[in-house]
Amino acid sequence: MRINGPNHSNFNPYRKNINTQQQAGETSAKKDKIEISNEAKQMQEHQKAKETRKQHIESLKQKVDSGEYQVDAKQTAASMVNFWKNR
């Protein structure tokens, strides 16, 4: 049984839909745009600060473990007193 006649060998009723979908996809790709908000930029900078802080803490841990880290008790006490006075 032949469904298509001799003149309809290249007939595809969905071709128009396929073509419009492809064209819509091509035009929307040209319009894509990415913007990073100021809040996101600040969060990225804050993340960098965390990384440097982690490195500093690691170096302090190594100094404490090796016995190289020395604490100035007078300076620590003075800082604590100044902290509580300014509250």
PDB file of N, CA and C in Angstrom:
ATOM      1  N   MET A   1       0.830  -1.173   0.000  1.00  0.00           N
ATOM      2  CA  MET A   1       0.000   0.000   0.000  1.00  0.00           C
ATOM      3  C   MET A   1       0.878   1.241   0.000  1.00  0.00           C
ATOM      4  N   ARG A   2       0.633   2.163  -0.867  1.00  0.00           N
ATOM      5  CA  ARG A   2       1.374   3.412  -0.952  1.00  0.00           C
ATOM      6  C   ARG A   2       0.560   4.513  -0.291  1.00  0.00           C
ATOM      7  N   ILE A   3       1.199   5.178   0.630  1.00  0.00           N
ATOM      8  CA  ILE A   3       0.517   6.269   1.307  1.00  0.00           C
ATOM      9  C   ILE A   3       0.694   7.563   0.525  1.00  0.00           C
ATOM     10  N   ASN A   4       1.903   7.809   0.070  1.00  0.00           N
ATOM     11  CA  ASN A   4       2.201   9.034  -0.672  1.00  0.00           C
ATOM     12  C   ASN A   4       2.060   8.786  -2.153  1.00  0.00           C
ATOM     13  N   GLY A   5       1.500   9.750  -2.837  1.00  0.00           N
ATOM     14  CA  GLY A   5       1.387   9.646  -4.280  1.00  0.00           C
ATOM     15  C   GLY A   5       2.713   9.968  -4.930  1.00  0.00           C
ATOM     16  N   PRO A   6       2.786   9.914  -6.242  1.00  0.00           N
ATOM     17  CA  PRO A   6       4.045  10.139  -6.944  1.00  0.00           C
ATOM     18  C   PRO A   6       4.565  11.566  -6.823  1.00  0.00           C
ATOM     19  N   ASN A   7       3.740  12.550  -6.558  1.00  0.00           N
ATOM     20  CA  ASN A   7       4.174  13.941  -6.462  1.00  0.00           C
ATOM     21  C   ASN A   7       4.562  14.346  -5.032  1.00  0.00           C
ATOM     22  N   HIS A   8       4.361  13.478  -4.089  1.00  0.00           N
ATOM     23  CA  HIS A   8       4.582  13.825  -2.685  1.00  0.00           C
ATOM     24  C   HIS A   8       5.750  13.067  -2.059  1.00  0.00           C
ATOM     25  N   SER A   9       6.756  12.734  -2.810  1.00  0.00           N
ATOM     26  CA  SER A   9       7.860  11.939  -2.279  1.00  0.00           C
ATOM     27  C   SER A   9       8.711  12.712  -1.266  1.00  0.00           C
ATOM     28  N   ASN A  10       8.822  14.020  -1.397  1.00  0.00           N
ATOM     29  CA  ASN A  10       9.611  14.824  -0.468  1.00  0.00           C
ATOM     30  C   ASN A  10       8.739  15.606   0.514  1.00  0.00           C
ATOM     31  N   PHE A  11       7.515  15.236   0.649  1.00  0.00           N
ATOM     32  CA  PHE A  11       6.575  15.968   1.487  1.00  0.00           C
ATOM     33  C   PHE A  11       6.781  15.596   2.953  1.00  0.00           C
ATOM     34  N   ASN A  12       7.026  16.585   3.780  1.00  0.00           N
ATOM     35  CA  ASN A  12       7.148  16.391   5.222  1.00  0.00           C
ATOM     36  C   ASN A  12       6.326  17.485   5.901  1.00  0.00           C
ATOM     37  N   PRO A  13       5.190  17.156   6.496  1.00  0.00           N
ATOM     38  CA  PRO A  13       4.341  18.195   7.081  1.00  0.00           C
ATOM     39  C   PRO A  13       4.984  18.880   8.285  1.00  0.00           C
ATOM     40  N   TYR A  14       5.998  18.293   8.861  1.00  0.00           N
ATOM     41  CA  TYR A  14       6.651  18.874  10.039  1.00  0.00           C
ATOM     42  C   TYR A  14       7.879  19.704   9.697  1.00  0.00           C
ATOM     43  N   ARG A  15       8.242  19.778   8.423  1.00  0.00           N
ATOM     44  CA  ARG A  15       9.442  20.493   8.003  1.00  0.00           C
ATOM     45  C   ARG A  15       9.381  21.968   8.406  1.00  0.00           C
ATOM     46  N   LYS A  16       8.225  22.586   8.257  1.00  0.00           N
ATOM     47  CA  LYS A  16       8.082  23.995   8.617  1.00  0.00           C
ATOM     48  C   LYS A  16       8.344  24.190  10.113  1.00  0.00           C
ATOM     49  N   ASN A  17       7.817  23.307  10.936  1.00  0.00           N
ATOM     50  CA  ASN A  17       8.048  23.400  12.381  1.00  0.00           C
ATOM     51  C   ASN A  17       9.517  23.193  12.728  1.00  0.00           C
ATOM     52  N   ILE A  18      10.151  22.250  12.077  1.00  0.00           N
ATOM     53  CA  ILE A  18      11.565  21.973  12.327  1.00  0.00           C
ATOM     54  C   ILE A  18      12.412  23.177  11.943  1.00  0.00           C
ATOM     55  N   ASN A  19      12.133  23.759  10.774  1.00  0.00           N
ATOM     56  CA  ASN A  19      12.889  24.927  10.313  1.00  0.00           C
ATOM     57  C   ASN A  19      12.716  26.110  11.249  1.00  0.00           C
ATOM     58  N   THR A  20      11.498  26.374  11.706  1.00  0.00           N
ATOM     59  CA  THR A  20      11.287  27.520  12.605  1.00  0.00           C
ATOM     60  C   THR A  20      11.951  27.287  13.952  1.00  0.00           C
ATOM     61  N   GLN A  21      11.961  26.048  14.437  1.00  0.00           N
ATOM     62  CA  GLN A  21      12.641  25.751  15.699  1.00  0.00           C
ATOM     63  C   GLN A  21      14.147  25.958  15.567  1.00  0.00           C
ATOM     64  N   GLN A  22      14.719  25.534  14.441  1.00  0.00           N
ATOM     65  CA  GLN A  22      16.143  25.716  14.226  1.00  0.00           C
ATOM     66  C   GLN A  22      16.493  27.190  14.138  1.00  0.00           C
ATOM     67  N   GLN A  23      15.681  27.955  13.446  1.00  0.00           N
ATOM     68  CA  GLN A  23      15.932  29.388  13.318  1.00  0.00           C
ATOM     69  C   GLN A  23      15.792  30.078  14.664  1.00  0.00           C
ATOM     70  N   ALA A  24      14.818  29.683  15.446  1.00  0.00           N
ATOM     71  CA  ALA A  24      14.629  30.286  16.768  1.00  0.00           C
ATOM     72  C   ALA A  24      15.823  29.964  17.661  1.00  0.00           C
ATOM     73  N   GLY A  25      16.347  28.753  17.549  1.00  0.00           N
ATOM     74  CA  GLY A  25      17.515  28.372  18.335  1.00  0.00           C
ATOM     75  C   GLY A  25      18.746  29.161  17.948  1.00  0.00           C
ATOM     76  N   GLU A  26      18.905  29.424  16.670  1.00  0.00           N
ATOM     77  CA  GLU A  26      20.065  30.186  16.198  1.00  0.00           C
ATOM     78  C   GLU A  26      19.998  31.636  16.641  1.00  0.00           C
ATOM     79  N   THR A  27      18.822  32.242  16.592  1.00  0.00           N
ATOM     80  CA  THR A  27      18.717  33.652  16.975  1.00  0.00           C
ATOM     81  C   THR A  27      18.822  33.830  18.475  1.00  0.00           C
ATOM     82  N   SER A  28      18.313  32.876  19.264  1.00  0.00           N
ATOM     83  CA  SER A  28      18.390  33.023  20.709  1.00  0.00           C
ATOM     84  C   SER A  28      19.829  32.830  21.205  1.00  0.00           C
ATOM     85  N   ALA A  29      20.620  32.045  20.503  1.00  0.00           N
ATOM     86  CA  ALA A  29      22.008  31.841  20.911  1.00  0.00           C
ATOM     87  C   ALA A  29      22.800  33.137  20.775  1.00  0.00           C
ATOM     88  N   LYS A  30      22.425  33.961  19.814  1.00  0.00           N
ATOM     89  CA  LYS A  30      23.118  35.223  19.627  1.00  0.00           C
ATOM     90  C   LYS A  30      22.747  36.238  20.695  1.00  0.00           C
ATOM     91  N   LYS A  31      21.605  36.058  21.338  1.00  0.00           N
ATOM     92  CA  LYS A  31      21.125  37.012  22.325  1.00  0.00           C
ATOM     93  C   LYS A  31      21.518  36.646  23.754  1.00  0.00           C
ATOM     94  N   ASP A  32      22.096  35.489  23.966  1.00  0.00           N
ATOM     95  CA  ASP A  32      22.473  35.092  25.307  1.00  0.00           C
ATOM     96  C   ASP A  32      23.494  36.057  25.879  1.00  0.00           C
ATOM     97  N   LYS A  33      23.315  36.381  27.150  1.00  0.00           N
ATOM     98  CA  LYS A  33      24.192  37.345  27.793  1.00  0.00           C
ATOM     99  C   LYS A  33      24.311  36.974  29.263  1.00  0.00           C
ATOM    100  N   ILE A  34      25.498  37.080  29.798  1.00  0.00           N
ATOM    101  CA  ILE A  34      25.723  36.781  31.206  1.00  0.00           C
ATOM    102  C   ILE A  34      26.163  38.050  31.910  1.00  0.00           C
ATOM    103  N   GLU A  35      25.504  38.322  33.021  1.00  0.00           N
ATOM    104  CA  GLU A  35      25.879  39.463  33.842  1.00  0.00           C
ATOM    105  C   GLU A  35      26.091  38.988  35.273  1.00  0.00           C
ATOM    106  N   ILE A  36      27.165  39.434  35.882  1.00  0.00           N
ATOM    107  CA  ILE A  36      27.451  39.084  37.267  1.00  0.00           C
ATOM    108  C   ILE A  36      27.090  40.287  38.123  1.00  0.00           C
ATOM    109  N   SER A  37      26.226  40.058  39.089  1.00  0.00           N
ATOM    110  CA  SER A  37      25.769  41.156  39.942  1.00  0.00           C
ATOM    111  C   SER A  37      26.900  41.615  40.865  1.00  0.00           C
ATOM    112  N   ASN A  38      26.724  42.793  41.419  1.00  0.00           N
ATOM    113  CA  ASN A  38      27.719  43.324  42.357  1.00  0.00           C
ATOM    114  C   ASN A  38      27.831  42.443  43.589  1.00  0.00           C
ATOM    115  N   GLU A  39      26.705  41.896  44.029  1.00  0.00           N
ATOM    116  CA  GLU A  39      26.725  41.010  45.196  1.00  0.00           C
ATOM    117  C   GLU A  39      27.560  39.761  44.915  1.00  0.00           C
ATOM    118  N   ALA A  40      27.421  39.211  43.709  1.00  0.00           N
ATOM    119  CA  ALA A  40      28.195  38.021  43.348  1.00  0.00           C
ATOM    120  C   ALA A  40      29.679  38.347  43.276  1.00  0.00           C
ATOM    121  N   LYS A  41      30.009  39.532  42.763  1.00  0.00           N
ATOM    122  CA  LYS A  41      31.414  39.937  42.708  1.00  0.00           C
ATOM    123  C   LYS A  41      31.987  40.083  44.110  1.00  0.00           C
ATOM    124  N   GLN A  42      31.197  40.642  45.021  1.00  0.00           N
ATOM    125  CA  GLN A  42      31.655  40.786  46.400  1.00  0.00           C
ATOM    126  C   GLN A  42      31.853  39.423  47.046  1.00  0.00           C
ATOM    127  N   MET A  43      30.960  38.481  46.729  1.00  0.00           N
ATOM    128  CA  MET A  43      31.102  37.135  47.279  1.00  0.00           C
ATOM    129  C   MET A  43      32.382  36.474  46.768  1.00  0.00           C
ATOM    130  N   GLN A  44      32.717  36.724  45.500  1.00  0.00           N
ATOM    131  CA  GLN A  44      33.949  36.163  44.953  1.00  0.00           C
ATOM    132  C   GLN A  44      35.159  36.747  45.654  1.00  0.00           C
ATOM    133  N   GLU A  45      35.165  38.042  45.919  1.00  0.00           N
ATOM    134  CA  GLU A  45      36.268  38.674  46.628  1.00  0.00           C
ATOM    135  C   GLU A  45      36.359  38.146  48.055  1.00  0.00           C
ATOM    136  N   HIS A  46      35.201  37.937  48.671  1.00  0.00           N
ATOM    137  CA  HIS A  46      35.172  37.411  50.033  1.00  0.00           C
ATOM    138  C   HIS A  46      35.762  36.001  50.071  1.00  0.00           C
ATOM    139  N   GLN A  47      35.497  35.217  49.031  1.00  0.00           N
ATOM    140  CA  GLN A  47      36.047  33.868  48.945  1.00  0.00           C
ATOM    141  C   GLN A  47      37.571  33.913  48.861  1.00  0.00           C
ATOM    142  N   LYS A  48      38.123  34.881  48.132  1.00  0.00           N
ATOM    143  CA  LYS A  48      39.573  35.020  48.037  1.00  0.00           C
ATOM    144  C   LYS A  48      40.168  35.332  49.402  1.00  0.00           C
ATOM    145  N   ALA A  49      39.470  36.163  50.167  1.00  0.00           N
ATOM    146  CA  ALA A  49      39.946  36.505  51.503  1.00  0.00           C
ATOM    147  C   ALA A  49      39.960  35.266  52.389  1.00  0.00           C
ATOM    148  N   LYS A  50      38.984  34.401  52.231  1.00  0.00           N
ATOM    149  CA  LYS A  50      38.944  33.171  53.022  1.00  0.00           C
ATOM    150  C   LYS A  50      40.152  32.287  52.701  1.00  0.00           C
ATOM    151  N   GLU A  51      40.527  32.240  51.433  1.00  0.00           N
ATOM    152  CA  GLU A  51      41.655  31.405  51.027  1.00  0.00           C
ATOM    153  C   GLU A  51      42.960  31.916  51.645  1.00  0.00           C
ATOM    154  N   THR A  52      43.158  33.234  51.635  1.00  0.00           N
ATOM    155  CA  THR A  52      44.381  33.774  52.229  1.00  0.00           C
ATOM    156  C   THR A  52      44.373  33.566  53.729  1.00  0.00           C
ATOM    157  N   ARG A  53      43.197  33.663  54.346  1.00  0.00           N
ATOM    158  CA  ARG A  53      43.094  33.421  55.793  1.00  0.00           C
ATOM    159  C   ARG A  53      43.423  31.962  56.111  1.00  0.00           C
ATOM    160  N   LYS A  54      42.946  31.041  55.280  1.00  0.00           N
ATOM    161  CA  LYS A  54      43.252  29.626  55.489  1.00  0.00           C
ATOM    162  C   LYS A  54      44.753  29.381  55.404  1.00  0.00           C
ATOM    163  N   GLN A  55      45.411  30.020  54.444  1.00  0.00           N
ATOM    164  CA  GLN A  55      46.858  29.861  54.313  1.00  0.00           C
ATOM    165  C   GLN A  55      47.572  30.393  55.547  1.00  0.00           C
ATOM    166  N   HIS A  56      47.117  31.534  56.059  1.00  0.00           N
ATOM    167  CA  HIS A  56      47.728  32.127  57.250  1.00  0.00           C
ATOM    168  C   HIS A  56      47.537  31.205  58.461  1.00  0.00           C
ATOM    169  N   ILE A  57      46.352  30.646  58.600  1.00  0.00           N
ATOM    170  CA  ILE A  57      46.080  29.737  59.721  1.00  0.00           C
ATOM    171  C   ILE A  57      46.928  28.483  59.613  1.00  0.00           C
ATOM    172  N   GLU A  58      47.081  27.967  58.414  1.00  0.00           N
ATOM    173  CA  GLU A  58      47.925  26.778  58.225  1.00  0.00           C
ATOM    174  C   GLU A  58      49.374  27.057  58.614  1.00  0.00           C
ATOM    175  N   SER A  59      49.874  28.236  58.231  1.00  0.00           N
ATOM    176  CA  SER A  59      51.255  28.561  58.599  1.00  0.00           C
ATOM    177  C   SER A  59      51.385  28.706  60.111  1.00  0.00           C
ATOM    178  N   LEU A  60      50.376  29.273  60.777  1.00  0.00           N
ATOM    179  CA  LEU A  60      50.408  29.369  62.239  1.00  0.00           C
ATOM    180  C   LEU A  60      50.367  27.984  62.879  1.00  0.00           C
ATOM    181  N   LYS A  61      49.551  27.095  62.345  1.00  0.00           N
ATOM    182  CA  LYS A  61      49.483  25.728  62.873  1.00  0.00           C
ATOM    183  C   LYS A  61      50.835  25.041  62.769  1.00  0.00           C
ATOM    184  N   GLN A  62      51.510  25.237  61.643  1.00  0.00           N
ATOM    185  CA  GLN A  62      52.821  24.619  61.459  1.00  0.00           C
ATOM    186  C   GLN A  62      53.829  25.176  62.460  1.00  0.00           C
ATOM    187  N   LYS A  63      53.782  26.489  62.693  1.00  0.00           N
ATOM    188  CA  LYS A  63      54.688  27.099  63.657  1.00  0.00           C
ATOM    189  C   LYS A  63      54.415  26.598  65.065  1.00  0.00           C
ATOM    190  N   VAL A  64      53.136  26.452  65.422  1.00  0.00           N
ATOM    191  CA  VAL A  64      52.787  25.953  66.753  1.00  0.00           C
ATOM    192  C   VAL A  64      53.255  24.512  66.905  1.00  0.00           C
ATOM    193  N   ASP A  65      53.019  23.692  65.905  1.00  0.00           N
ATOM    194  CA  ASP A  65      53.431  22.286  65.955  1.00  0.00           C
ATOM    195  C   ASP A  65      54.942  22.127  66.052  1.00  0.00           C
ATOM    196  N   SER A  66      55.679  22.997  65.378  1.00  0.00           N
ATOM    197  CA  SER A  66      57.140  22.878  65.400  1.00  0.00           C
ATOM    198  C   SER A  66      57.759  23.586  66.606  1.00  0.00           C
ATOM    199  N   GLY A  67      56.957  24.372  67.334  1.00  0.00           N
ATOM    200  CA  GLY A  67      57.460  25.066  68.509  1.00  0.00           C
ATOM    201  C   GLY A  67      58.090  26.412  68.202  1.00  0.00           C
ATOM    202  N   GLU A  68      57.952  26.909  66.994  1.00  0.00           N
ATOM    203  CA  GLU A  68      58.536  28.185  66.595  1.00  0.00           C
ATOM    204  C   GLU A  68      57.662  29.373  66.967  1.00  0.00           C
ATOM    205  N   TYR A  69      56.368  29.152  67.228  1.00  0.00           N
ATOM    206  CA  TYR A  69      55.442  30.250  67.486  1.00  0.00           C
ATOM    207  C   TYR A  69      55.565  30.702  68.941  1.00  0.00           C
ATOM    208  N   GLN A  70      55.862  31.964  69.132  1.00  0.00           N
ATOM    209  CA  GLN A  70      55.998  32.533  70.475  1.00  0.00           C
ATOM    210  C   GLN A  70      54.928  33.603  70.674  1.00  0.00           C
ATOM    211  N   VAL A  71      54.281  33.570  71.842  1.00  0.00           N
ATOM    212  CA  VAL A  71      53.225  34.525  72.149  1.00  0.00           C
ATOM    213  C   VAL A  71      53.771  35.550  73.134  1.00  0.00           C
ATOM    214  N   ASP A  72      53.513  36.829  72.841  1.00  0.00           N
ATOM    215  CA  ASP A  72      53.876  37.908  73.761  1.00  0.00           C
ATOM    216  C   ASP A  72      52.697  38.105  74.701  1.00  0.00           C
ATOM    217  N   ALA A  73      52.847  37.653  75.931  1.00  0.00           N
ATOM    218  CA  ALA A  73      51.751  37.686  76.905  1.00  0.00           C
ATOM    219  C   ALA A  73      51.323  39.117  77.220  1.00  0.00           C
ATOM    220  N   LYS A  74      52.273  40.053  77.333  1.00  0.00           N
ATOM    221  CA  LYS A  74      51.921  41.440  77.655  1.00  0.00           C
ATOM    222  C   LYS A  74      51.096  42.071  76.537  1.00  0.00           C
ATOM    223  N   GLN A  75      51.481  41.817  75.295  1.00  0.00           N
ATOM    224  CA  GLN A  75      50.743  42.379  74.172  1.00  0.00           C
ATOM    225  C   GLN A  75      49.340  41.767  74.093  1.00  0.00           C
ATOM    226  N   THR A  76      49.217  40.481  74.357  1.00  0.00           N
ATOM    227  CA  THR A  76      47.917  39.822  74.357  1.00  0.00           C
ATOM    228  C   THR A  76      47.025  40.405  75.442  1.00  0.00           C
ATOM    229  N   ALA A  77      47.563  40.584  76.644  1.00  0.00           N
ATOM    230  CA  ALA A  77      46.787  41.148  77.750  1.00  0.00           C
ATOM    231  C   ALA A  77      46.356  42.581  77.435  1.00  0.00           C
ATOM    232  N   ALA A  78      47.248  43.369  76.858  1.00  0.00           N
ATOM    233  CA  ALA A  78      46.912  44.753  76.521  1.00  0.00           C
ATOM    234  C   ALA A  78      45.803  44.802  75.465  1.00  0.00           C
ATOM    235  N   SER A  79      45.854  43.925  74.510  1.00  0.00           N
ATOM    236  CA  SER A  79      44.808  43.867  73.486  1.00  0.00           C
ATOM    237  C   SER A  79      43.466  43.482  74.091  1.00  0.00           C
ATOM    238  N   MET A  80      43.483  42.548  75.039  1.00  0.00           N
ATOM    239  CA  MET A  80      42.241  42.133  75.694  1.00  0.00           C
ATOM    240  C   MET A  80      41.655  43.278  76.515  1.00  0.00           C
ATOM    241  N   VAL A  81      42.502  43.998  77.225  1.00  0.00           N
ATOM    242  CA  VAL A  81      42.018  45.131  78.040  1.00  0.00           C
ATOM    243  C   VAL A  81      41.453  46.217  77.140  1.00  0.00           C
ATOM    244  N   ASN A  82      42.118  46.533  76.056  1.00  0.00           N
ATOM    245  CA  ASN A  82      41.629  47.543  75.127  1.00  0.00           C
ATOM    246  C   ASN A  82      40.301  47.143  74.501  1.00  0.00           C
ATOM    247  N   PHE A  83      40.156  45.881  74.226  1.00  0.00           N
ATOM    248  CA  PHE A  83      38.902  45.383  73.648  1.00  0.00           C
ATOM    249  C   PHE A  83      37.749  45.616  74.601  1.00  0.00           C
ATOM    250  N   TRP A  84      37.928  45.265  75.864  1.00  0.00           N
ATOM    251  CA  TRP A  84      36.838  45.383  76.831  1.00  0.00           C
ATOM    252  C   TRP A  84      36.610  46.838  77.255  1.00  0.00           C
ATOM    253  N   LYS A  85      37.601  47.689  77.199  1.00  0.00           N
ATOM    254  CA  LYS A  85      37.411  49.094  77.542  1.00  0.00           C
ATOM    255  C   LYS A  85      36.579  49.815  76.494  1.00  0.00           C
ATOM    256  N   ASN A  86      36.751  49.447  75.246  1.00  0.00           N
ATOM    257  CA  ASN A  86      36.092  50.135  74.141  1.00  0.00           C
ATOM    258  C   ASN A  86      34.650  49.671  73.916  1.00  0.00           C
ATOM    259  N   ARG A  87      34.184  48.746  74.710  1.00  0.00           N
ATOM    260  CA  ARG A  87      32.807  48.266  74.538  1.00  0.00           C
ATOM    261  C   ARG A  87      31.856  49.127  75.227  1.00  0.00           C
TER     262      ARG A  87
END
